[in-house]
Protein backbone atom coordinates (compact mmCIF):
# COMPACT_ATOMS: atom_id res chain seq x y z
CA UNK A 1 -0.08 -23.17 0.00
CA UNK A 2 1.44 -20.18 -2.02
CA UNK A 3 0.90 -20.34 -6.03
CA UNK A 4 2.42 -18.30 -8.38
CA UNK A 5 0.86 -16.77 -11.66
CA UNK A 6 2.73 -18.04 -14.96
CA UNK A 7 3.29 -14.68 -15.54
CA UNK A 8 4.98 -13.97 -11.82
CA UNK A 9 6.70 -17.44 -11.91
CA UNK A 10 8.48 -16.88 -15.45
CA UNK A 11 9.75 -13.14 -14.65
CA UNK A 12 11.01 -14.27 -11.76
CA UNK A 13 13.00 -17.17 -13.02
CA UNK A 14 14.09 -14.91 -16.08
CA UNK A 15 15.33 -12.26 -13.39
CA UNK A 16 12.99 -9.86 -14.44
CA UNK A 17 11.16 -6.72 -12.72
CA UNK A 18 7.47 -7.41 -10.24
CA UNK A 19 5.87 -5.34 -8.21
CA UNK A 20 3.41 -6.79 -5.55
CA UNK A 21 -0.18 -5.21 -5.29
CA UNK A 22 -3.02 -5.67 -2.19
CA UNK A 23 -6.15 -6.63 -2.67
CA UNK A 24 -7.63 -4.67 0.24
CA UNK A 25 -7.79 -1.42 -1.94
CA UNK A 26 -9.97 -3.57 -4.39
CA UNK A 27 -12.26 -5.01 -2.13
CA UNK A 28 -12.81 -1.94 0.51
CA UNK A 29 -10.62 0.74 -0.64
CA UNK A 30 -13.14 1.89 -3.46
CA UNK A 31 -17.13 2.11 -3.84
CA UNK A 32 -18.06 -1.66 -4.85
CA UNK A 33 -17.62 -2.60 -8.57
CA UNK A 34 -14.80 0.31 -8.98
CA UNK A 35 -12.23 -1.44 -7.14
CA UNK A 36 -11.06 -4.17 -9.88
CA UNK A 37 -11.19 -1.25 -12.28
CA UNK A 38 -8.41 0.32 -10.27
CA UNK A 39 -6.32 -2.86 -9.70
CA UNK A 40 -6.82 -3.34 -13.69
CA UNK A 41 -5.06 0.58 -14.02
CA UNK A 42 -2.36 -0.57 -11.35
CA UNK A 43 -1.58 -3.67 -13.37
CA UNK A 44 -1.43 -1.79 -16.45
CA UNK A 45 0.74 1.03 -15.34
CA UNK A 46 3.28 -1.64 -13.86
CA UNK A 47 3.18 -3.43 -17.00
CA UNK A 48 3.83 -0.02 -18.99
CA UNK A 49 7.06 0.81 -17.07
CA UNK A 50 8.65 -2.63 -17.92
CA UNK A 51 7.35 -4.99 -14.68
CA UNK A 52 5.39 -7.50 -14.30
CA UNK A 53 2.63 -7.01 -11.79
CA UNK A 54 1.98 -9.54 -8.51
CA UNK A 55 -1.08 -8.63 -7.15
CA UNK A 56 -1.56 -10.69 -4.23
CA UNK A 57 -4.75 -12.32 -2.36
CA UNK A 58 -6.37 -15.57 -1.00
CA UNK A 59 -8.36 -18.01 -3.00
CA UNK A 60 -9.78 -21.19 -3.09
CA UNK A 61 -7.23 -22.28 -0.14
CA UNK A 62 -4.34 -20.47 -1.73
CA UNK A 63 -2.65 -17.71 -1.36
CA UNK A 64 -2.17 -16.21 -5.07
CA UNK A 65 0.66 -14.40 -6.33
CA UNK A 66 -0.22 -13.01 -9.88
CA UNK A 67 -4.17 -12.84 -10.17
CA UNK A 68 -5.87 -12.38 -13.58
CA UNK A 69 -9.36 -10.01 -13.88
CA UNK A 70 -11.78 -12.97 -13.13
CA UNK A 71 -10.39 -14.00 -10.19
CA UNK A 72 -10.08 -10.16 -9.06
CA UNK A 73 -13.19 -9.85 -9.53
CA UNK A 74 -13.93 -11.92 -6.41
CA UNK A 75 -12.80 -9.29 -4.39
CA UNK A 76 -15.53 -7.78 -2.99
CA UNK A 77 -16.93 -6.22 -0.05
CA UNK A 78 -17.51 -9.19 1.68
CA UNK A 79 -13.55 -10.26 1.17
CA UNK A 80 -11.98 -11.07 4.42
CA UNK A 81 -9.35 -7.97 5.29
CA UNK A 82 -6.05 -9.90 5.61
CA UNK A 83 -3.07 -8.55 7.95
CA UNK A 84 0.17 -10.47 8.08
CA UNK A 85 -1.86 -12.51 11.31
CA UNK A 86 -5.03 -13.08 9.14
CA UNK A 87 -3.41 -14.82 6.05
CA UNK A 88 -2.99 -18.44 7.59
CA UNK A 89 -7.02 -18.73 9.17
CA UNK A 90 -7.98 -17.30 5.71
CA UNK A 91 -5.87 -20.14 3.89
CA UNK A 92 -7.01 -22.47 5.88
CA UNK A 93 -10.70 -21.71 5.96
CA UNK A 94 -10.77 -21.03 2.23
CA UNK A 95 -11.60 -17.53 2.82
CA UNK A 96 -11.58 -14.98 -0.02
CA UNK A 97 -8.94 -12.66 1.36
CA UNK A 98 -8.14 -9.64 0.39
CA UNK A 99 -4.22 -8.76 1.54
CA UNK A 100 -3.79 -4.89 3.35
CA UNK A 101 -0.31 -3.58 3.00
CA UNK A 102 1.19 -5.72 5.79
CA UNK A 103 -0.35 -9.14 4.75
CA UNK A 104 1.18 -8.52 0.98
CA UNK A 105 4.38 -7.58 2.54
CA UNK A 106 4.61 -10.62 4.61
CA UNK A 107 3.65 -12.80 1.01
CA UNK A 108 6.28 -10.67 -0.47
CA UNK A 109 8.60 -11.82 2.14
CA UNK A 110 8.08 -15.35 1.46
CA UNK A 111 8.35 -15.32 -2.31
CA UNK A 112 11.03 -12.89 -2.62
CA UNK A 113 9.19 -9.65 -3.98
CA UNK A 114 11.23 -6.56 -3.82
CA UNK A 115 9.10 -3.59 -4.68
CA UNK A 116 5.32 -2.93 -3.96
CA UNK A 117 3.00 0.03 -4.70
CA UNK A 118 0.04 1.01 -3.09
CA UNK A 119 -2.44 4.20 -1.65
CA UNK A 120 -1.33 4.57 1.76
CA UNK A 121 0.87 2.63 4.28
CA UNK A 122 -0.95 2.13 7.44
CA UNK A 123 0.30 3.63 10.73
CA UNK A 124 -0.23 5.13 14.40
CA UNK A 125 -4.07 6.09 14.46
CA UNK A 126 -5.00 9.30 16.46
CA UNK A 127 -6.14 8.90 19.76
CA UNK A 128 -3.46 6.40 20.26
CA UNK A 129 -1.91 7.94 23.79
CA UNK A 130 -5.92 6.79 24.82
CA UNK A 131 -6.56 3.38 22.81
CA UNK A 132 -3.09 1.81 21.51
CA UNK A 133 -3.63 1.23 17.90
CA UNK A 134 -1.04 0.78 15.45
CA UNK A 135 -1.04 -0.84 12.10
CA UNK A 136 0.84 -4.31 11.62
CA UNK A 137 1.90 -2.37 8.38
CA UNK A 138 4.83 -0.89 10.22
CA UNK A 139 5.86 -4.12 11.73
CA UNK A 140 6.16 -5.90 8.48
CA UNK A 141 8.09 -3.03 6.99
CA UNK A 142 10.89 -3.32 9.53
CA UNK A 143 10.78 -7.02 8.77
CA UNK A 144 10.71 -7.31 5.30
CA UNK A 145 13.28 -6.19 2.62
CA UNK A 146 10.85 -4.17 0.43
CA UNK A 147 10.54 -1.08 -1.27
CA UNK A 148 6.95 0.42 -0.66
CA UNK A 149 5.61 3.23 -2.94
CA UNK A 150 2.60 5.41 -1.26
CA UNK A 151 1.24 8.83 -0.97
CA UNK A 152 2.73 8.51 2.79
CA UNK A 153 0.53 7.26 5.93
CA UNK A 154 -3.08 7.31 5.20
CA UNK A 155 -4.75 10.25 5.80
CA UNK A 156 -7.15 8.98 8.87
CA UNK A 157 -3.95 8.75 11.23
CA UNK A 158 -1.47 10.51 12.88
CA UNK A 159 1.05 10.90 10.49
CA UNK A 160 3.55 12.97 12.94
CA UNK A 161 3.71 9.91 15.30
CA UNK A 162 3.62 7.54 11.98
CA UNK A 163 6.75 9.23 10.94
CA UNK A 164 8.13 9.03 14.36
CA UNK A 165 7.81 4.89 14.63
CA UNK A 166 9.10 4.82 11.05
CA UNK A 167 12.31 6.24 12.83
CA UNK A 168 12.38 4.22 15.04
CA UNK A 169 11.96 0.76 13.51
CA UNK A 170 15.08 1.93 11.41
CA UNK A 171 12.55 2.60 7.90
CA UNK A 172 13.97 5.36 5.69
CA UNK A 173 11.22 7.77 4.23
CA UNK A 174 12.27 8.55 0.77
CA UNK A 175 11.03 11.67 -0.53
CA UNK A 176 10.50 10.97 -4.63
CA UNK A 177 10.91 14.95 -5.27
CA UNK A 178 9.43 16.48 -2.36
CA UNK A 179 11.31 17.32 1.52
CA UNK A 180 8.23 16.15 3.41
CA UNK A 181 6.24 13.08 3.46
CA UNK A 182 2.92 13.43 1.60
CA UNK A 183 -0.33 13.16 3.50
CA UNK A 184 -1.94 10.81 1.10
CA UNK A 185 -4.41 13.64 -0.49
CA UNK A 186 -2.03 16.52 -0.05
CA UNK A 187 1.51 16.53 -1.39
CA UNK A 188 2.86 18.92 1.37
CA UNK A 189 2.79 19.49 4.91
CA UNK A 190 4.06 16.30 6.11
CA UNK A 191 6.93 15.73 8.25
CA UNK A 192 10.35 15.80 7.14
CA UNK A 193 11.53 12.53 5.18
CA UNK A 194 15.05 11.08 5.58
CA UNK A 195 16.48 11.72 2.38
CA UNK A 196 15.02 13.63 -0.65
CA UNK A 197 15.42 11.25 -4.08
CA UNK A 198 15.17 12.64 -7.56
CA UNK A 199 14.80 9.64 -9.87
CA UNK A 200 13.74 6.24 -9.54
CA UNK A 201 17.53 5.03 -10.25
CA UNK A 202 18.37 6.93 -6.94
CA UNK A 203 15.64 5.00 -4.93
CA UNK A 204 16.92 1.66 -6.73
CA UNK A 205 20.46 3.02 -5.50
CA UNK A 206 19.70 3.42 -1.33
CA UNK A 207 17.05 0.60 -1.59
CA UNK A 208 20.08 -1.79 -2.16
CA UNK A 209 22.84 -0.30 0.35
CA UNK A 210 20.10 -0.21 2.69
CA UNK A 211 19.83 -4.29 2.30
CA UNK A 212 23.01 -4.90 2.03
CA UNK A 213 23.90 -3.25 5.36
CA UNK A 214 21.23 -5.03 6.80
CA UNK A 215 18.08 -3.04 6.81
CA UNK A 216 14.66 -4.07 5.97
CA UNK A 217 11.45 -1.82 4.17
CA UNK A 218 11.91 1.54 3.36
CA UNK A 219 9.36 3.91 2.66
CA UNK A 220 8.95 6.03 -0.81
CA UNK A 221 6.58 9.16 -0.31
CA UNK A 222 5.23 9.55 -4.02
CA UNK A 223 3.03 13.28 -3.90
CA UNK A 224 -0.36 13.06 -5.04
CA UNK A 225 -0.33 14.51 -8.40
CA UNK A 226 -4.40 15.75 -7.36
CA UNK A 227 -3.06 17.46 -4.45
CA UNK A 228 -6.30 18.05 -2.09
CA UNK A 229 -5.49 20.38 1.04
CA UNK A 230 -8.80 21.07 2.35
CA UNK A 231 -9.70 17.79 3.62
CA UNK A 232 -8.48 17.43 7.22
CA UNK A 233 -11.87 18.61 8.21
CA UNK A 234 -14.02 16.22 6.76
CA UNK A 235 -11.37 13.86 7.83
CA UNK A 236 -12.05 14.94 11.29
CA UNK A 237 -15.29 14.68 10.44
CA UNK A 238 -15.62 11.33 9.52
CA UNK A 239 -13.65 9.81 12.28
CA UNK A 240 -16.14 11.37 14.67
CA UNK A 241 -19.03 9.98 13.04
CA UNK A 242 -16.90 5.99 13.15
CA UNK A 243 -16.79 6.57 16.69
CA UNK A 244 -20.57 7.40 17.36
CA UNK A 245 -21.51 4.68 15.32
CA UNK A 246 -18.63 2.57 16.76
CA UNK A 247 -16.84 1.72 14.25
CA UNK A 248 -13.19 0.86 14.80
CA UNK A 249 -10.15 -1.36 13.90
CA UNK A 250 -9.93 -3.09 10.35
CA UNK A 251 -13.53 -1.52 9.75
CA UNK A 252 -11.90 2.38 10.19
CA UNK A 253 -10.52 3.01 6.79
CA UNK A 254 -13.19 1.69 4.82
CA UNK A 255 -15.77 3.40 6.62
CA UNK A 256 -14.04 6.65 6.20
CA UNK A 257 -13.27 6.18 2.88
CA UNK A 258 -16.62 5.74 1.63
CA UNK A 259 -17.66 9.28 3.84
CA UNK A 260 -14.63 10.88 2.48
CA UNK A 261 -15.75 9.54 -0.89
CA UNK A 262 -19.72 10.76 -0.42
CA UNK A 263 -19.03 13.61 1.31
CA UNK A 264 -16.13 15.77 -0.59
CA UNK A 265 -18.62 15.15 -3.95
CA UNK A 266 -16.12 12.45 -5.62
CA UNK A 267 -13.03 14.70 -5.34
CA UNK A 268 -11.12 12.43 -2.95
CA UNK A 269 -12.36 9.05 -4.92
CA UNK A 270 -10.95 10.47 -8.01
CA UNK A 271 -7.73 11.71 -6.35
CA UNK A 272 -7.65 7.96 -4.79
CA UNK A 273 -7.54 6.12 -7.88
CA UNK A 274 -5.03 8.16 -9.57
CA UNK A 275 -2.50 8.10 -6.59
CA UNK A 276 -2.60 4.47 -6.34
CA UNK A 277 -2.33 3.87 -10.41
CA UNK A 278 0.41 6.50 -9.82
CA UNK A 279 2.16 5.00 -7.31
CA UNK A 280 1.94 1.35 -9.21
CA UNK A 281 3.58 3.12 -11.89
CA UNK A 282 6.70 4.73 -10.05
CA UNK A 283 7.46 1.14 -7.66
CA UNK A 284 7.60 -0.31 -11.44
CA UNK A 285 10.26 1.73 -12.94
CA UNK A 286 12.31 1.52 -8.96
CA UNK A 287 11.88 -2.10 -9.86
CA UNK A 288 13.41 -2.00 -13.23
CA UNK A 289 16.35 0.35 -12.48
CA UNK A 290 17.04 -1.54 -9.56
CA UNK A 291 17.02 -4.83 -12.05
CA UNK A 292 19.62 -2.78 -14.45
CA UNK A 293 22.02 -2.29 -11.48
């Protein structure tokens, strides 16, 4: 049911660094046709840092760990969005399925991958006191020994509530050369992190100690290089529009991202492309540092 590419299998067998990457970004995070380019750039950045990329998704009744360009092109807008609960059904029904952070973590746990790069994790949604909506990403982080490099939580979320949930679940938040959790598009303004780190080797050392003490996931907050500090108003407008159109659940994030890309004149799209690749590169640097310990 789980098929590793020859490249990923060889890297694991030889004890080399491997970085997990998701496919929901490819299928639903960017306008049609652009996600594959972002995925390929993320893989390039992982290899550039000395690690092997393991992009994960479901194709032809198998969970694939490591995908070639032709396979990446199959993850279009019609691909199912797969959280951890959805992977088995997509396999059994032979659907094309793009894994979220949580879905990717579930597979990473099974095959023994220790590091992952992504844009932003899911978490506690705004308005959760009226309608509880918490991403399964948090539950998977709480049970999976993986360090996830991201620009904080997705911008559409209640970030302070997400930070509180991370603390409750015992998930360290490490700020990469920052004292606060990035706000996805914005580098500053988020809640305090549990520890500031200055180098990939320091992240690797903390991860090793955390796992030795029985801990599970870690979140490494990497501030976006292109910080957009004026998008909160647009986010609120996008969420209001989603409410008027009855969009929610797994469809909310793709809707809001598309709305933001359009209404910001492409600024959020450009920033999103850059931070996804940057996070993949940093995850690879951490993975390589961990293998050298």
